[in-house]
Amino acid sequence: MSLNFIKEDRKGSLKSEINLLKKLEHPKIVKYIDSIYTDDYLNIVLEYVENGSLDSLIKKFGKIPEQLVIIYIQ
């Protein structure tokens, strides 16, 4: 994520969200691995999820039937 256009007060919020991600531990939540800061970018490294996120599926197919969402969530 580019940090060039993010206000300083929002950068503090990003750090808080990263600290929350570090604490989350559950088999159904993507695992946080690391954050890599440069002068211009923030890279958040997460566990690999096969087949991508629900968001990527929605973008690809336009809509996901509710029953399929239930299966993914379970």
N, C-alpha and C. Protein backbone atom coordinates (compact mmCIF):
# COMPACT_ATOMS: atom_id res chain seq x y z
N MET A 1 0.84 -1.15 0.00
CA MET A 1 0.00 0.00 0.00
C MET A 1 0.90 1.22 0.00
N SER A 2 0.58 2.17 -0.87
CA SER A 2 1.35 3.40 -0.93
C SER A 2 1.03 4.27 0.27
N LEU A 3 2.06 4.79 0.90
CA LEU A 3 1.89 5.67 2.06
C LEU A 3 1.93 7.14 1.67
N ASN A 4 2.17 7.41 0.41
CA ASN A 4 2.36 8.79 -0.04
C ASN A 4 1.14 9.68 0.16
N PHE A 5 -0.04 9.13 0.07
CA PHE A 5 -1.25 9.94 0.15
C PHE A 5 -2.05 9.70 1.43
N ILE A 6 -1.44 9.03 2.39
CA ILE A 6 -2.12 8.75 3.66
C ILE A 6 -1.68 9.78 4.69
N LYS A 7 -2.66 10.40 5.33
CA LYS A 7 -2.37 11.42 6.33
C LYS A 7 -1.72 10.79 7.55
N GLU A 8 -0.95 11.57 8.28
CA GLU A 8 -0.21 11.07 9.45
C GLU A 8 -1.13 10.44 10.49
N ASP A 9 -2.30 11.03 10.75
CA ASP A 9 -3.20 10.47 11.76
C ASP A 9 -3.74 9.11 11.31
N ARG A 10 -3.90 8.90 10.03
CA ARG A 10 -4.35 7.60 9.50
C ARG A 10 -3.24 6.55 9.61
N LYS A 11 -1.99 6.97 9.51
CA LYS A 11 -0.88 6.03 9.66
C LYS A 11 -0.88 5.41 11.05
N GLY A 12 -1.25 6.19 12.06
CA GLY A 12 -1.37 5.66 13.42
C GLY A 12 -2.47 4.61 13.49
N SER A 13 -3.57 4.84 12.78
CA SER A 13 -4.66 3.86 12.74
C SER A 13 -4.21 2.56 12.07
N LEU A 14 -3.41 2.70 11.02
CA LEU A 14 -2.89 1.50 10.35
C LEU A 14 -2.04 0.66 11.30
N LYS A 15 -1.21 1.33 12.09
CA LYS A 15 -0.38 0.60 13.05
C LYS A 15 -1.24 -0.10 14.09
N SER A 16 -2.32 0.52 14.51
CA SER A 16 -3.24 -0.11 15.47
C SER A 16 -3.90 -1.35 14.86
N GLU A 17 -4.30 -1.24 13.59
CA GLU A 17 -4.91 -2.39 12.92
C GLU A 17 -3.91 -3.53 12.77
N ILE A 18 -2.66 -3.21 12.48
CA ILE A 18 -1.63 -4.24 12.37
C ILE A 18 -1.41 -4.92 13.71
N ASN A 19 -1.40 -4.15 14.78
CA ASN A 19 -1.25 -4.74 16.11
C ASN A 19 -2.41 -5.67 16.44
N LEU A 20 -3.61 -5.32 15.99
CA LEU A 20 -4.76 -6.21 16.19
C LEU A 20 -4.57 -7.49 15.38
N LEU A 21 -4.14 -7.38 14.13
CA LEU A 21 -3.90 -8.56 13.30
C LEU A 21 -2.90 -9.51 13.95
N LYS A 22 -1.87 -8.95 14.56
CA LYS A 22 -0.84 -9.77 15.21
C LYS A 22 -1.43 -10.65 16.31
N LYS A 23 -2.47 -10.17 16.97
CA LYS A 23 -3.05 -10.87 18.12
C LYS A 23 -4.09 -11.92 17.73
N LEU A 24 -4.64 -11.83 16.53
CA LEU A 24 -5.71 -12.74 16.12
C LEU A 24 -5.15 -14.13 15.84
N GLU A 25 -5.72 -15.11 16.49
CA GLU A 25 -5.32 -16.50 16.26
C GLU A 25 -6.56 -17.37 16.22
N HIS A 26 -6.90 -17.83 15.03
CA HIS A 26 -8.04 -18.71 14.86
C HIS A 26 -7.87 -19.41 13.52
N PRO A 27 -8.24 -20.68 13.43
CA PRO A 27 -8.04 -21.42 12.17
C PRO A 27 -8.83 -20.84 11.00
N LYS A 28 -9.87 -20.06 11.27
CA LYS A 28 -10.69 -19.49 10.20
C LYS A 28 -10.27 -18.07 9.81
N ILE A 29 -9.23 -17.53 10.43
CA ILE A 29 -8.75 -16.18 10.14
C ILE A 29 -7.37 -16.28 9.50
N VAL A 30 -7.19 -15.56 8.41
CA VAL A 30 -5.90 -15.55 7.72
C VAL A 30 -4.83 -15.06 8.69
N LYS A 31 -3.74 -15.80 8.77
CA LYS A 31 -2.68 -15.51 9.73
C LYS A 31 -1.78 -14.36 9.27
N TYR A 32 -1.56 -13.43 10.17
CA TYR A 32 -0.62 -12.33 9.94
C TYR A 32 0.79 -12.88 10.09
N ILE A 33 1.69 -12.51 9.18
CA ILE A 33 3.07 -12.96 9.25
C ILE A 33 4.02 -11.81 9.58
N ASP A 34 3.93 -10.72 8.83
CA ASP A 34 4.87 -9.62 9.05
C ASP A 34 4.39 -8.36 8.35
N SER A 35 4.99 -7.24 8.71
CA SER A 35 4.79 -5.97 8.02
C SER A 35 6.16 -5.45 7.60
N ILE A 36 6.22 -4.93 6.39
CA ILE A 36 7.47 -4.39 5.88
C ILE A 36 7.22 -2.95 5.47
N TYR A 37 7.88 -2.03 6.18
CA TYR A 37 7.74 -0.60 5.90
C TYR A 37 8.93 -0.13 5.07
N THR A 38 8.65 0.69 4.08
CA THR A 38 9.67 1.46 3.39
C THR A 38 9.25 2.92 3.53
N ASP A 39 10.02 3.83 2.95
CA ASP A 39 9.64 5.24 3.03
C ASP A 39 8.30 5.52 2.37
N ASP A 40 8.00 4.78 1.32
CA ASP A 40 6.81 5.05 0.53
C ASP A 40 5.71 4.00 0.60
N TYR A 41 6.02 2.81 1.13
CA TYR A 41 5.05 1.72 1.10
C TYR A 41 4.97 0.96 2.42
N LEU A 42 3.79 0.38 2.64
CA LEU A 42 3.57 -0.57 3.72
C LEU A 42 3.14 -1.87 3.06
N ASN A 43 3.87 -2.93 3.32
CA ASN A 43 3.52 -4.26 2.81
C ASN A 43 3.14 -5.13 4.00
N ILE A 44 1.95 -5.70 3.95
CA ILE A 44 1.50 -6.59 5.01
C ILE A 44 1.55 -8.01 4.45
N VAL A 45 2.30 -8.87 5.10
CA VAL A 45 2.49 -10.24 4.65
C VAL A 45 1.52 -11.13 5.43
N LEU A 46 0.65 -11.82 4.69
CA LEU A 46 -0.34 -12.70 5.30
C LEU A 46 -0.16 -14.13 4.79
N GLU A 47 -0.74 -15.05 5.51
CA GLU A 47 -0.75 -16.46 5.12
C GLU A 47 -1.35 -16.61 3.72
N TYR A 48 -0.80 -17.53 2.94
CA TYR A 48 -1.33 -17.81 1.61
C TYR A 48 -2.69 -18.50 1.74
N VAL A 49 -3.66 -18.02 0.98
CA VAL A 49 -4.99 -18.63 0.97
C VAL A 49 -5.27 -19.13 -0.44
N GLU A 50 -5.35 -20.43 -0.59
CA GLU A 50 -5.60 -21.02 -1.90
C GLU A 50 -6.95 -20.54 -2.43
N ASN A 51 -7.03 -20.27 -3.71
CA ASN A 51 -8.22 -19.80 -4.41
C ASN A 51 -8.58 -18.35 -4.10
N GLY A 52 -7.78 -17.64 -3.32
CA GLY A 52 -8.01 -16.22 -3.09
C GLY A 52 -9.11 -15.93 -2.09
N SER A 53 -9.44 -14.66 -2.01
CA SER A 53 -10.43 -14.20 -1.05
C SER A 53 -11.84 -14.23 -1.65
N LEU A 54 -12.84 -14.09 -0.78
CA LEU A 54 -14.20 -13.95 -1.27
C LEU A 54 -14.33 -12.70 -2.13
N ASP A 55 -13.63 -11.66 -1.75
CA ASP A 55 -13.67 -10.42 -2.53
C ASP A 55 -13.20 -10.66 -3.96
N SER A 56 -12.13 -11.42 -4.14
CA SER A 56 -11.64 -11.68 -5.50
C SER A 56 -12.64 -12.53 -6.30
N LEU A 57 -13.33 -13.44 -5.62
CA LEU A 57 -14.35 -14.24 -6.31
C LEU A 57 -15.53 -13.39 -6.74
N ILE A 58 -15.94 -12.46 -5.87
CA ILE A 58 -17.05 -11.58 -6.21
C ILE A 58 -16.68 -10.70 -7.40
N LYS A 59 -15.46 -10.19 -7.41
CA LYS A 59 -15.02 -9.36 -8.54
C LYS A 59 -14.97 -10.18 -9.83
N LYS A 60 -14.59 -11.44 -9.72
CA LYS A 60 -14.47 -12.29 -10.90
C LYS A 60 -15.83 -12.70 -11.46
N PHE A 61 -16.76 -13.10 -10.55
CA PHE A 61 -18.04 -13.64 -10.99
C PHE A 61 -19.22 -12.67 -10.82
N GLY A 62 -19.00 -11.56 -10.14
CA GLY A 62 -20.06 -10.56 -9.99
C GLY A 62 -20.96 -10.78 -8.80
N LYS A 63 -21.23 -12.01 -8.48
CA LYS A 63 -22.13 -12.31 -7.35
C LYS A 63 -21.87 -13.76 -6.92
N ILE A 64 -21.96 -14.00 -5.63
CA ILE A 64 -21.81 -15.36 -5.11
C ILE A 64 -23.12 -15.72 -4.40
N PRO A 65 -23.69 -16.87 -4.73
CA PRO A 65 -24.93 -17.28 -4.06
C PRO A 65 -24.72 -17.41 -2.55
N GLU A 66 -25.72 -17.05 -1.79
CA GLU A 66 -25.63 -17.07 -0.33
C GLU A 66 -25.21 -18.44 0.20
N GLN A 67 -25.71 -19.52 -0.40
CA GLN A 67 -25.35 -20.86 0.07
C GLN A 67 -23.86 -21.13 -0.09
N LEU A 68 -23.25 -20.61 -1.14
CA LEU A 68 -21.82 -20.79 -1.33
C LEU A 68 -21.02 -19.98 -0.30
N VAL A 69 -21.48 -18.79 0.01
CA VAL A 69 -20.84 -17.97 1.05
C VAL A 69 -20.88 -18.72 2.38
N ILE A 70 -22.00 -19.34 2.69
CA ILE A 70 -22.14 -20.10 3.95
C ILE A 70 -21.11 -21.22 4.00
N ILE A 71 -20.90 -21.90 2.88
CA ILE A 71 -19.92 -22.99 2.84
C ILE A 71 -18.52 -22.45 3.09
N TYR A 72 -18.17 -21.33 2.45
CA TYR A 72 -16.84 -20.72 2.66
C TYR A 72 -16.64 -20.32 4.11
N ILE A 73 -17.67 -19.74 4.70
CA ILE A 73 -17.55 -19.27 6.09
C ILE A 73 -17.40 -20.43 7.05
N GLN A 74 -18.11 -21.52 6.79
CA GLN A 74 -18.00 -22.68 7.68
C GLN A 74 -16.62 -23.25 7.61
